[in-house]
Amino acid sequence: MDNQTLDSVNLFGMRVDRVDMAGALALIERFVQERTPPRHIVTADASMVVTADNDPDFAAIVNASDLVTPDGAGILWATKRMGTPVRAKVSGVDLAARCCALSEEKGWRIFFFGAAPGVAEEARARMLARHPGAHIVGIRDGFFKPEDEPAIVAQIREARPDILLVALGIPKQEKFIQRHKAELGVPVCVGVGGTLDVFSGSVRRAPTWMQNSGLEWLYRVASNPKKISKVALLPRFALMTLRAPRNARSG
């Protein structure tokens, strides 16, 4: 299976795949077993759709990736309203957490890359406390200059991970993966946004009822005002969706 055979929808020119958590994990397992070619997994939320609409090069990266999961209530709402509903929310945080849990069972080697200095270390410590048998084989913070990238690539290659979790934020993480996936030697690279902040405890997830009600974005802004620039994209996403014809089909 490649991205041409996945069941997907076209959301304002950006692909989103109709996949649930079980399907996403099954694909990751297959990609890890195959080893090559290197695979790029995108976790797409509403802000990513707006970013892609403003940046054709970024949209092309997303559309060429190997899997685009629907991350967030906004994606579920928009696709349902347009007559092309996706199956379920598959967030970057939840997908990464499941990969770490499966690392304990399947021996997957995982590398944490991103967030502020010290966050990845704490994320690894807390994840290992939760899953003592998980294989978190390397960490690197997300503060670097362009000239540092060759050394970062070398560090990741040396750790030989099966899965690289890249937490640099949209669109930086997707562009980093696209630039370097051929030389990283990693079977699966996943852009996971603020996942390491959540893993480390520096950012708390919204209560389950808020996640299920589509209000996690509101909780994030209330607990972390730095997220306001990302949330500011949501009114445009809502307007794009409300203006779109219903029953639009993928293409």
Foldseek 3Di string as FASTA:
>chain_A
DFLVPFDWFQDLNAIAGQDDLVRVVVVLVVLLVVLPDAFEEEEDELLQSLVCNVPVVLRVLRSRGGHYYDAFPLQQVLCVQQPRGHHDHDALLNNVLVVQQCCLVPVFAEEEEEDDPPLLVLLVVLSCVVRVSHHHQYYYYHDDDPVCLVVVLVVQLVSQGQEYEHAHAPPVRSVSCVVPVNSSSHSYYYYHHCNSCCSNVVDDFDPPVCRVVRNRLVVRCVRPVVCVVSVVCVVVSVVSSVPDHHNDGGD
